[in-house]
Amino acid sequence: MVRGGFDLSGDLRIEHDPIYESIFPLVSLRQVGMRPKLYARVARFEAALDSKARSSNKSWTNMAHEFGYYDQMHMVHDFADFAGGNSNEYAKPDEKAFSGTD
């Protein structure tokens, strides 16, 4: 974790606190309900889905690169983990909703 402040000259002063860095994941787990890396994955995935919903003409490959995924396969894994499917299923309308059957 980085702590900082401004010195008298107005320059930013940054200090690393190794004790806080070691307990930060535990504090995050208690306060947020997930570890920092998982939270970052979820936030990135939600941002990508939101962007895709607003501009559906973008390809999933472009979305993966825009949101900092190493490659499209990493985004595919996040789809499986967080949405329980894949991007092709997300893009299709729910056919049951239109067919009138359950």
PDB file of N, CA and C in Angstrom:
ATOM      1  N   MET A   1       0.849  -1.167   0.000  1.00  0.00           N
ATOM      2  CA  MET A   1       0.000   0.000   0.000  1.00  0.00           C
ATOM      3  C   MET A   1       0.890   1.225   0.000  1.00  0.00           C
ATOM      4  N   VAL A   2       0.429   2.240  -0.609  1.00  0.00           N
ATOM      5  CA  VAL A   2       1.199   3.467  -0.697  1.00  0.00           C
ATOM      6  C   VAL A   2       0.501   4.533   0.134  1.00  0.00           C
ATOM      7  N   ARG A   3       1.247   5.183   0.979  1.00  0.00           N
ATOM      8  CA  ARG A   3       0.733   6.315   1.722  1.00  0.00           C
ATOM      9  C   ARG A   3       1.526   7.528   1.275  1.00  0.00           C
ATOM     10  N   GLY A   4       0.920   8.640   1.317  1.00  0.00           N
ATOM     11  CA  GLY A   4       1.655   9.811   0.859  1.00  0.00           C
ATOM     12  C   GLY A   4       1.084  11.084   1.408  1.00  0.00           C
ATOM     13  N   GLY A   5       1.696  12.156   1.004  1.00  0.00           N
ATOM     14  CA  GLY A   5       1.270  13.475   1.402  1.00  0.00           C
ATOM     15  C   GLY A   5       2.101  14.473   0.627  1.00  0.00           C
ATOM     16  N   PHE A   6       1.994  15.710   0.998  1.00  0.00           N
ATOM     17  CA  PHE A   6       2.766  16.746   0.333  1.00  0.00           C
ATOM     18  C   PHE A   6       3.760  17.322   1.320  1.00  0.00           C
ATOM     19  N   ASP A   7       4.982  17.540   0.855  1.00  0.00           N
ATOM     20  CA  ASP A   7       5.952  18.196   1.728  1.00  0.00           C
ATOM     21  C   ASP A   7       5.812  19.710   1.578  1.00  0.00           C
ATOM     22  N   LEU A   8       6.646  20.465   2.262  1.00  0.00           N
ATOM     23  CA  LEU A   8       6.513  21.920   2.264  1.00  0.00           C
ATOM     24  C   LEU A   8       6.702  22.543   0.889  1.00  0.00           C
ATOM     25  N   SER A   9       7.440  21.879   0.004  1.00  0.00           N
ATOM     26  CA  SER A   9       7.649  22.434  -1.340  1.00  0.00           C
ATOM     27  C   SER A   9       6.465  22.161  -2.252  1.00  0.00           C
ATOM     28  N   GLY A  10       5.510  21.355  -1.803  1.00  0.00           N
ATOM     29  CA  GLY A  10       4.355  21.023  -2.625  1.00  0.00           C
ATOM     30  C   GLY A  10       4.533  19.756  -3.436  1.00  0.00           C
ATOM     31  N   ASP A  11       5.719  19.121  -3.305  1.00  0.00           N
ATOM     32  CA  ASP A  11       5.953  17.870  -4.025  1.00  0.00           C
ATOM     33  C   ASP A  11       5.268  16.715  -3.313  1.00  0.00           C
ATOM     34  N   LEU A  12       4.808  15.781  -4.095  1.00  0.00           N
ATOM     35  CA  LEU A  12       4.160  14.598  -3.529  1.00  0.00           C
ATOM     36  C   LEU A  12       5.212  13.695  -2.911  1.00  0.00           C
ATOM     37  N   ARG A  13       4.975  13.290  -1.689  1.00  0.00           N
ATOM     38  CA  ARG A  13       5.862  12.385  -0.975  1.00  0.00           C
ATOM     39  C   ARG A  13       5.128  11.061  -0.807  1.00  0.00           C
ATOM     40  N   ILE A  14       5.748   9.967  -1.224  1.00  0.00           N
ATOM     41  CA  ILE A  14       5.103   8.658  -1.159  1.00  0.00           C
ATOM     42  C   ILE A  14       5.942   7.733  -0.292  1.00  0.00           C
ATOM     43  N   GLU A  15       5.267   7.016   0.598  1.00  0.00           N
ATOM     44  CA  GLU A  15       5.930   6.049   1.458  1.00  0.00           C
ATOM     45  C   GLU A  15       5.235   4.701   1.296  1.00  0.00           C
ATOM     46  N   HIS A  16       6.006   3.644   1.316  1.00  0.00           N
ATOM     47  CA  HIS A  16       5.440   2.292   1.284  1.00  0.00           C
ATOM     48  C   HIS A  16       5.372   1.776   2.713  1.00  0.00           C
ATOM     49  N   ASP A  17       4.274   1.167   3.045  1.00  0.00           N
ATOM     50  CA  ASP A  17       4.084   0.613   4.380  1.00  0.00           C
ATOM     51  C   ASP A  17       3.979  -0.903   4.239  1.00  0.00           C
ATOM     52  N   PRO A  18       5.084  -1.632   4.465  1.00  0.00           N
ATOM     53  CA  PRO A  18       5.061  -3.083   4.258  1.00  0.00           C
ATOM     54  C   PRO A  18       4.064  -3.817   5.147  1.00  0.00           C
ATOM     55  N   ILE A  19       3.822  -3.308   6.348  1.00  0.00           N
ATOM     56  CA  ILE A  19       2.858  -3.975   7.234  1.00  0.00           C
ATOM     57  C   ILE A  19       1.458  -3.870   6.646  1.00  0.00           C
ATOM     58  N   TYR A  20       1.077  -2.672   6.189  1.00  0.00           N
ATOM     59  CA  TYR A  20      -0.254  -2.506   5.610  1.00  0.00           C
ATOM     60  C   TYR A  20      -0.378  -3.282   4.306  1.00  0.00           C
ATOM     61  N   GLU A  21       0.695  -3.335   3.523  1.00  0.00           N
ATOM     62  CA  GLU A  21       0.667  -4.110   2.275  1.00  0.00           C
ATOM     63  C   GLU A  21       0.389  -5.579   2.553  1.00  0.00           C
ATOM     64  N   SER A  22       0.887  -6.104   3.656  1.00  0.00           N
ATOM     65  CA  SER A  22       0.690  -7.520   3.956  1.00  0.00           C
ATOM     66  C   SER A  22      -0.721  -7.819   4.462  1.00  0.00           C
ATOM     67  N   ILE A  23      -1.377  -6.842   5.126  1.00  0.00           N
ATOM     68  CA  ILE A  23      -2.722  -7.110   5.642  1.00  0.00           C
ATOM     69  C   ILE A  23      -3.824  -6.580   4.729  1.00  0.00           C
ATOM     70  N   PHE A  24      -3.464  -5.816   3.702  1.00  0.00           N
ATOM     71  CA  PHE A  24      -4.476  -5.234   2.816  1.00  0.00           C
ATOM     72  C   PHE A  24      -5.411  -6.279   2.209  1.00  0.00           C
ATOM     73  N   PRO A  25      -4.900  -7.419   1.704  1.00  0.00           N
ATOM     74  CA  PRO A  25      -5.840  -8.417   1.170  1.00  0.00           C
ATOM     75  C   PRO A  25      -6.854  -8.901   2.195  1.00  0.00           C
ATOM     76  N   LEU A  26      -6.449  -9.031   3.447  1.00  0.00           N
ATOM     77  CA  LEU A  26      -7.383  -9.471   4.492  1.00  0.00           C
ATOM     78  C   LEU A  26      -8.408  -8.389   4.817  1.00  0.00           C
ATOM     79  N   VAL A  27      -7.959  -7.144   4.860  1.00  0.00           N
ATOM     80  CA  VAL A  27      -8.881  -6.029   5.098  1.00  0.00           C
ATOM     81  C   VAL A  27      -9.870  -5.945   3.944  1.00  0.00           C
ATOM     82  N   SER A  28      -9.379  -6.097   2.728  1.00  0.00           N
ATOM     83  CA  SER A  28     -10.245  -6.057   1.549  1.00  0.00           C
ATOM     84  C   SER A  28     -11.271  -7.184   1.597  1.00  0.00           C
ATOM     85  N   LEU A  29     -10.832  -8.366   1.965  1.00  0.00           N
ATOM     86  CA  LEU A  29     -11.746  -9.505   2.054  1.00  0.00           C
ATOM     87  C   LEU A  29     -12.840  -9.232   3.074  1.00  0.00           C
ATOM     88  N   ARG A  30     -12.489  -8.660   4.201  1.00  0.00           N
ATOM     89  CA  ARG A  30     -13.471  -8.368   5.238  1.00  0.00           C
ATOM     90  C   ARG A  30     -14.408  -7.227   4.837  1.00  0.00           C
ATOM     91  N   GLN A  31     -13.871  -6.166   4.240  1.00  0.00           N
ATOM     92  CA  GLN A  31     -14.661  -4.976   3.925  1.00  0.00           C
ATOM     93  C   GLN A  31     -15.463  -5.115   2.637  1.00  0.00           C
ATOM     94  N   VAL A  32     -14.865  -5.714   1.601  1.00  0.00           N
ATOM     95  CA  VAL A  32     -15.493  -5.778   0.279  1.00  0.00           C
ATOM     96  C   VAL A  32     -16.098  -7.151   0.008  1.00  0.00           C
ATOM     97  N   GLY A  33     -15.554  -8.176   0.646  1.00  0.00           N
ATOM     98  CA  GLY A  33     -16.066  -9.522   0.444  1.00  0.00           C
ATOM     99  C   GLY A  33     -15.265 -10.323  -0.568  1.00  0.00           C
ATOM    100  N   MET A  34     -14.205  -9.742  -1.085  1.00  0.00           N
ATOM    101  CA  MET A  34     -13.339 -10.451  -2.016  1.00  0.00           C
ATOM    102  C   MET A  34     -11.950  -9.839  -1.974  1.00  0.00           C
ATOM    103  N   ARG A  35     -11.000 -10.599  -2.417  1.00  0.00           N
ATOM    104  CA  ARG A  35      -9.616 -10.119  -2.443  1.00  0.00           C
ATOM    105  C   ARG A  35      -9.445  -9.090  -3.564  1.00  0.00           C
ATOM    106  N   PRO A  36      -8.426  -8.237  -3.457  1.00  0.00           N
ATOM    107  CA  PRO A  36      -8.246  -7.151  -4.428  1.00  0.00           C
ATOM    108  C   PRO A  36      -8.148  -7.613  -5.885  1.00  0.00           C
ATOM    109  N   LYS A  37      -7.437  -8.706  -6.152  1.00  0.00           N
ATOM    110  CA  LYS A  37      -7.305  -9.155  -7.547  1.00  0.00           C
ATOM    111  C   LYS A  37      -8.643  -9.607  -8.116  1.00  0.00           C
ATOM    112  N   LEU A  38      -9.432 -10.319  -7.328  1.00  0.00           N
ATOM    113  CA  LEU A  38     -10.748 -10.749  -7.796  1.00  0.00           C
ATOM    114  C   LEU A  38     -11.645  -9.540  -8.022  1.00  0.00           C
ATOM    115  N   TYR A  39     -11.597  -8.582  -7.104  1.00  0.00           N
ATOM    116  CA  TYR A  39     -12.390  -7.362  -7.270  1.00  0.00           C
ATOM    117  C   TYR A  39     -12.009  -6.638  -8.565  1.00  0.00           C
ATOM    118  N   ALA A  40     -10.725  -6.564  -8.845  1.00  0.00           N
ATOM    119  CA  ALA A  40     -10.265  -5.906 -10.075  1.00  0.00           C
ATOM    120  C   ALA A  40     -10.761  -6.648 -11.310  1.00  0.00           C
ATOM    121  N   ARG A  41     -10.755  -7.981 -11.275  1.00  0.00           N
ATOM    122  CA  ARG A  41     -11.273  -8.769 -12.406  1.00  0.00           C
ATOM    123  C   ARG A  41     -12.760  -8.514 -12.624  1.00  0.00           C
ATOM    124  N   VAL A  42     -13.523  -8.520 -11.537  1.00  0.00           N
ATOM    125  CA  VAL A  42     -14.967  -8.303 -11.632  1.00  0.00           C
ATOM    126  C   VAL A  42     -15.262  -6.905 -12.167  1.00  0.00           C
ATOM    127  N   ALA A  43     -14.557  -5.907 -11.640  1.00  0.00           N
ATOM    128  CA  ALA A  43     -14.784  -4.528 -12.085  1.00  0.00           C
ATOM    129  C   ALA A  43     -14.448  -4.366 -13.565  1.00  0.00           C
ATOM    130  N   ARG A  44     -13.348  -4.965 -14.017  1.00  0.00           N
ATOM    131  CA  ARG A  44     -12.964  -4.869 -15.428  1.00  0.00           C
ATOM    132  C   ARG A  44     -13.989  -5.571 -16.309  1.00  0.00           C
ATOM    133  N   PHE A  45     -14.453  -6.742 -15.875  1.00  0.00           N
ATOM    134  CA  PHE A  45     -15.442  -7.496 -16.639  1.00  0.00           C
ATOM    135  C   PHE A  45     -16.750  -6.715 -16.751  1.00  0.00           C
ATOM    136  N   GLU A  46     -17.209  -6.143 -15.652  1.00  0.00           N
ATOM    137  CA  GLU A  46     -18.449  -5.353 -15.679  1.00  0.00           C
ATOM    138  C   GLU A  46     -18.313  -4.128 -16.587  1.00  0.00           C
ATOM    139  N   ALA A  47     -17.158  -3.484 -16.542  1.00  0.00           N
ATOM    140  CA  ALA A  47     -16.932  -2.320 -17.405  1.00  0.00           C
ATOM    141  C   ALA A  47     -16.949  -2.731 -18.877  1.00  0.00           C
ATOM    142  N   ALA A  48     -16.357  -3.874 -19.192  1.00  0.00           N
ATOM    143  CA  ALA A  48     -16.354  -4.360 -20.575  1.00  0.00           C
ATOM    144  C   ALA A  48     -17.776  -4.697 -21.035  1.00  0.00           C
ATOM    145  N   LEU A  49     -18.557  -5.346 -20.184  1.00  0.00           N
ATOM    146  CA  LEU A  49     -19.946  -5.671 -20.541  1.00  0.00           C
ATOM    147  C   LEU A  49     -20.769  -4.404 -20.755  1.00  0.00           C
ATOM    148  N   ASP A  50     -20.588  -3.437 -19.891  1.00  0.00           N
ATOM    149  CA  ASP A  50     -21.313  -2.180 -20.014  1.00  0.00           C
ATOM    150  C   ASP A  50     -20.957  -1.482 -21.324  1.00  0.00           C
ATOM    151  N   SER A  51     -19.686  -1.458 -21.655  1.00  0.00           N
ATOM    152  CA  SER A  51     -19.245  -0.828 -22.903  1.00  0.00           C
ATOM    153  C   SER A  51     -19.791  -1.576 -24.114  1.00  0.00           C
ATOM    154  N   LYS A  52     -19.796  -2.899 -24.050  1.00  0.00           N
ATOM    155  CA  LYS A  52     -20.314  -3.714 -25.157  1.00  0.00           C
ATOM    156  C   LYS A  52     -21.811  -3.465 -25.338  1.00  0.00           C
ATOM    157  N   ALA A  53     -22.528  -3.308 -24.233  1.00  0.00           N
ATOM    158  CA  ALA A  53     -23.967  -3.045 -24.315  1.00  0.00           C
ATOM    159  C   ALA A  53     -24.244  -1.696 -24.970  1.00  0.00           C
ATOM    160  N   ARG A  54     -23.367  -0.726 -24.737  1.00  0.00           N
ATOM    161  CA  ARG A  54     -23.553   0.604 -25.320  1.00  0.00           C
ATOM    162  C   ARG A  54     -23.108   0.678 -26.773  1.00  0.00           C
ATOM    163  N   SER A  55     -22.182  -0.163 -27.182  1.00  0.00           N
ATOM    164  CA  SER A  55     -21.713  -0.143 -28.580  1.00  0.00           C
ATOM    165  C   SER A  55     -21.522  -1.576 -29.050  1.00  0.00           C
ATOM    166  N   SER A  56     -22.628  -2.196 -29.423  1.00  0.00           N
ATOM    167  CA  SER A  56     -22.614  -3.618 -29.772  1.00  0.00           C
ATOM    168  C   SER A  56     -21.877  -3.914 -31.070  1.00  0.00           C
ATOM    169  N   ASN A  57     -21.521  -2.888 -31.840  1.00  0.00           N
ATOM    170  CA  ASN A  57     -20.816  -3.144 -33.097  1.00  0.00           C
ATOM    171  C   ASN A  57     -19.329  -3.424 -32.878  1.00  0.00           C
ATOM    172  N   LYS A  58     -18.809  -3.219 -31.667  1.00  0.00           N
ATOM    173  CA  LYS A  58     -17.410  -3.535 -31.373  1.00  0.00           C
ATOM    174  C   LYS A  58     -17.246  -5.042 -31.251  1.00  0.00           C
ATOM    175  N   SER A  59     -16.139  -5.534 -31.743  1.00  0.00           N
ATOM    176  CA  SER A  59     -15.873  -6.974 -31.620  1.00  0.00           C
ATOM    177  C   SER A  59     -15.400  -7.282 -30.198  1.00  0.00           C
ATOM    178  N   TRP A  60     -15.557  -8.542 -29.801  1.00  0.00           N
ATOM    179  CA  TRP A  60     -15.097  -8.950 -28.481  1.00  0.00           C
ATOM    180  C   TRP A  60     -13.582  -8.844 -28.396  1.00  0.00           C
ATOM    181  N   THR A  61     -12.895  -9.063 -29.498  1.00  0.00           N
ATOM    182  CA  THR A  61     -11.439  -8.924 -29.501  1.00  0.00           C
ATOM    183  C   THR A  61     -11.047  -7.490 -29.189  1.00  0.00           C
ATOM    184  N   ASN A  62     -11.708  -6.534 -29.838  1.00  0.00           N
ATOM    185  CA  ASN A  62     -11.429  -5.130 -29.552  1.00  0.00           C
ATOM    186  C   ASN A  62     -11.763  -4.785 -28.106  1.00  0.00           C
ATOM    187  N   MET A  63     -12.863  -5.342 -27.602  1.00  0.00           N
ATOM    188  CA  MET A  63     -13.236  -5.095 -26.217  1.00  0.00           C
ATOM    189  C   MET A  63     -12.159  -5.627 -25.267  1.00  0.00           C
ATOM    190  N   ALA A  64     -11.649  -6.813 -25.551  1.00  0.00           N
ATOM    191  CA  ALA A  64     -10.611  -7.409 -24.704  1.00  0.00           C
ATOM    192  C   ALA A  64      -9.386  -6.509 -24.650  1.00  0.00           C
ATOM    193  N   HIS A  65      -8.971  -6.003 -25.789  1.00  0.00           N
ATOM    194  CA  HIS A  65      -7.789  -5.136 -25.818  1.00  0.00           C
ATOM    195  C   HIS A  65      -8.075  -3.788 -25.163  1.00  0.00           C
ATOM    196  N   GLU A  66      -9.246  -3.244 -25.384  1.00  0.00           N
ATOM    197  CA  GLU A  66      -9.598  -1.942 -24.818  1.00  0.00           C
ATOM    198  C   GLU A  66      -9.596  -1.962 -23.296  1.00  0.00           C
ATOM    199  N   PHE A  67      -9.995  -3.089 -22.711  1.00  0.00           N
ATOM    200  CA  PHE A  67     -10.096  -3.170 -21.260  1.00  0.00           C
ATOM    201  C   PHE A  67      -8.911  -3.877 -20.613  1.00  0.00           C
ATOM    202  N   GLY A  68      -7.824  -4.011 -21.369  1.00  0.00           N
ATOM    203  CA  GLY A  68      -6.570  -4.454 -20.775  1.00  0.00           C
ATOM    204  C   GLY A  68      -6.413  -5.942 -20.578  1.00  0.00           C
ATOM    205  N   TYR A  69      -7.241  -6.741 -21.230  1.00  0.00           N
ATOM    206  CA  TYR A  69      -7.030  -8.183 -21.162  1.00  0.00           C
ATOM    207  C   TYR A  69      -5.787  -8.519 -21.981  1.00  0.00           C
ATOM    208  N   TYR A  70      -5.016  -9.486 -21.532  1.00  0.00           N
ATOM    209  CA  TYR A  70      -3.806  -9.888 -22.238  1.00  0.00           C
ATOM    210  C   TYR A  70      -4.152 -10.380 -23.635  1.00  0.00           C
ATOM    211  N   ASP A  71      -5.225 -11.152 -23.729  1.00  0.00           N
ATOM    212  CA  ASP A  71      -5.741 -11.608 -25.015  1.00  0.00           C
ATOM    213  C   ASP A  71      -7.211 -11.959 -24.833  1.00  0.00           C
ATOM    214  N   GLN A  72      -7.859 -12.333 -25.918  1.00  0.00           N
ATOM    215  CA  GLN A  72      -9.296 -12.608 -25.856  1.00  0.00           C
ATOM    216  C   GLN A  72      -9.603 -13.818 -24.977  1.00  0.00           C
ATOM    217  N   MET A  73      -8.698 -14.754 -24.905  1.00  0.00           N
ATOM    218  CA  MET A  73      -8.936 -15.961 -24.108  1.00  0.00           C
ATOM    219  C   MET A  73      -9.087 -15.629 -22.624  1.00  0.00           C
ATOM    220  N   HIS A  74      -8.362 -14.630 -22.137  1.00  0.00           N
ATOM    221  CA  HIS A  74      -8.526 -14.231 -20.740  1.00  0.00           C
ATOM    222  C   HIS A  74      -9.928 -13.676 -20.499  1.00  0.00           C
ATOM    223  N   MET A  75     -10.467 -12.954 -21.475  1.00  0.00           N
ATOM    224  CA  MET A  75     -11.828 -12.457 -21.346  1.00  0.00           C
ATOM    225  C   MET A  75     -12.822 -13.612 -21.396  1.00  0.00           C
ATOM    226  N   VAL A  76     -12.551 -14.607 -22.219  1.00  0.00           N
ATOM    227  CA  VAL A  76     -13.413 -15.793 -22.301  1.00  0.00           C
ATOM    228  C   VAL A  76     -13.466 -16.491 -20.942  1.00  0.00           C
ATOM    229  N   HIS A  77     -12.318 -16.593 -20.274  1.00  0.00           N
ATOM    230  CA  HIS A  77     -12.293 -17.217 -18.945  1.00  0.00           C
ATOM    231  C   HIS A  77     -13.113 -16.399 -17.943  1.00  0.00           C
ATOM    232  N   ASP A  78     -13.029 -15.078 -18.017  1.00  0.00           N
ATOM    233  CA  ASP A  78     -13.840 -14.251 -17.129  1.00  0.00           C
ATOM    234  C   ASP A  78     -15.324 -14.427 -17.425  1.00  0.00           C
ATOM    235  N   PHE A  79     -15.685 -14.574 -18.700  1.00  0.00           N
ATOM    236  CA  PHE A  79     -17.083 -14.847 -19.044  1.00  0.00           C
ATOM    237  C   PHE A  79     -17.544 -16.129 -18.373  1.00  0.00           C
ATOM    238  N   ALA A  80     -16.743 -17.171 -18.476  1.00  0.00           N
ATOM    239  CA  ALA A  80     -17.116 -18.454 -17.880  1.00  0.00           C
ATOM    240  C   ALA A  80     -17.231 -18.327 -16.360  1.00  0.00           C
ATOM    241  N   ASP A  81     -16.305 -17.620 -15.747  1.00  0.00           N
ATOM    242  CA  ASP A  81     -16.301 -17.492 -14.284  1.00  0.00           C
ATOM    243  C   ASP A  81     -17.430 -16.621 -13.751  1.00  0.00           C
ATOM    244  N   PHE A  82     -17.707 -15.504 -14.431  1.00  0.00           N
ATOM    245  CA  PHE A  82     -18.633 -14.522 -13.877  1.00  0.00           C
ATOM    246  C   PHE A  82     -20.027 -14.553 -14.494  1.00  0.00           C
ATOM    247  N   ALA A  83     -20.137 -14.961 -15.746  1.00  0.00           N
ATOM    248  CA  ALA A  83     -21.444 -14.958 -16.413  1.00  0.00           C
ATOM    249  C   ALA A  83     -21.984 -16.366 -16.636  1.00  0.00           C
ATOM    250  N   GLY A  84     -21.158 -17.356 -16.392  1.00  0.00           N
ATOM    251  CA  GLY A  84     -21.600 -18.726 -16.530  1.00  0.00           C
ATOM    252  C   GLY A  84     -21.833 -19.158 -17.968  1.00  0.00           C
ATOM    253  N   GLY A  85     -21.222 -18.487 -18.899  1.00  0.00           N
ATOM    254  CA  GLY A  85     -21.393 -18.840 -20.310  1.00  0.00           C
ATOM    255  C   GLY A  85     -20.258 -18.272 -21.124  1.00  0.00           C
ATOM    256  N   ASN A  86     -20.575 -17.943 -22.373  1.00  0.00           N
ATOM    257  CA  ASN A  86     -19.551 -17.326 -23.214  1.00  0.00           C
ATOM    258  C   ASN A  86     -20.126 -16.095 -23.902  1.00  0.00           C
ATOM    259  N   SER A  87     -19.265 -15.371 -24.578  1.00  0.00           N
ATOM    260  CA  SER A  87     -19.681 -14.104 -25.180  1.00  0.00           C
ATOM    261  C   SER A  87     -20.712 -14.296 -26.284  1.00  0.00           C
ATOM    262  N   ASN A  88     -20.678 -15.416 -26.979  1.00  0.00           N
ATOM    263  CA  ASN A  88     -21.679 -15.668 -28.024  1.00  0.00           C
ATOM    264  C   ASN A  88     -23.068 -15.806 -27.428  1.00  0.00           C
ATOM    265  N   GLU A  89     -23.171 -16.452 -26.279  1.00  0.00           N
ATOM    266  CA  GLU A  89     -24.463 -16.582 -25.616  1.00  0.00           C
ATOM    267  C   GLU A  89     -24.957 -15.226 -25.110  1.00  0.00           C
ATOM    268  N   TYR A  90     -24.038 -14.399 -24.659  1.00  0.00           N
ATOM    269  CA  TYR A  90     -24.417 -13.074 -24.165  1.00  0.00           C
ATOM    270  C   TYR A  90     -24.980 -12.218 -25.291  1.00  0.00           C
ATOM    271  N   ALA A  91     -24.430 -12.348 -26.482  1.00  0.00           N
ATOM    272  CA  ALA A  91     -24.826 -11.499 -27.606  1.00  0.00           C
ATOM    273  C   ALA A  91     -26.184 -11.891 -28.184  1.00  0.00           C
ATOM    274  N   LYS A  92     -26.607 -13.143 -27.975  1.00  0.00           N
ATOM    275  CA  LYS A  92     -27.878 -13.597 -28.540  1.00  0.00           C
ATOM    276  C   LYS A  92     -29.041 -13.183 -27.642  1.00  0.00           C
ATOM    277  N   PRO A  93     -30.163 -12.795 -28.245  1.00  0.00           N
ATOM    278  CA  PRO A  93     -31.341 -12.551 -27.405  1.00  0.00           C
ATOM    279  C   PRO A  93     -31.857 -13.872 -26.843  1.00  0.00           C
ATOM    280  N   ASP A  94     -32.549 -13.803 -25.742  1.00  0.00           N
ATOM    281  CA  ASP A  94     -33.091 -15.009 -25.114  1.00  0.00           C
ATOM    282  C   ASP A  94     -34.245 -15.515 -25.965  1.00  0.00           C
ATOM    283  N   GLU A  95     -34.027 -16.638 -26.638  1.00  0.00           N
ATOM    284  CA  GLU A  95     -35.029 -17.159 -27.560  1.00  0.00           C
ATOM    285  C   GLU A  95     -36.291 -17.618 -26.835  1.00  0.00           C
ATOM    286  N   LYS A  96     -36.148 -18.084 -25.587  1.00  0.00           N
ATOM    287  CA  LYS A  96     -37.333 -18.503 -24.825  1.00  0.00           C
ATOM    288  C   LYS A  96     -38.272 -17.329 -24.588  1.00  0.00           C
ATOM    289  N   ALA A  97     -37.725 -16.170 -24.366  1.00  0.00           N
ATOM    290  CA  ALA A  97     -38.561 -14.996 -24.089  1.00  0.00           C
ATOM    291  C   ALA A  97     -39.466 -14.663 -25.258  1.00  0.00           C
ATOM    292  N   PHE A  98     -39.026 -14.990 -26.465  1.00  0.00           N
ATOM    293  CA  PHE A  98     -39.813 -14.657 -27.653  1.00  0.00           C
ATOM    294  C   PHE A  98     -40.676 -15.819 -28.154  1.00  0.00           C
ATOM    295  N   SER A  99     -40.383 -17.031 -27.702  1.00  0.00           N
ATOM    296  CA  SER A  99     -41.110 -18.176 -28.235  1.00  0.00           C
ATOM    297  C   SER A  99     -42.421 -18.429 -27.499  1.00  0.00           C
ATOM    298  N   GLY A 100     -42.555 -17.893 -26.288  1.00  0.00           N
ATOM    299  CA  GLY A 100     -43.772 -18.091 -25.536  1.00  0.00           C
ATOM    300  C   GLY A 100     -43.826 -19.419 -24.817  1.00  0.00           C
ATOM    301  N   THR A 101     -42.717 -20.173 -24.806  1.00  0.00           N
ATOM    302  CA  THR A 101     -42.673 -21.454 -24.094  1.00  0.00           C
ATOM    303  C   THR A 101     -41.738 -21.325 -22.920  1.00  0.00           C
ATOM    304  N   ASP A 102     -41.902 -22.220 -21.956  1.00  0.00           N
ATOM    305  CA  ASP A 102     -41.029 -22.211 -20.758  1.00  0.00           C
ATOM    306  C   ASP A 102     -39.983 -23.255 -20.841  1.00  0.00           C
TER     307      ASP A 102
END
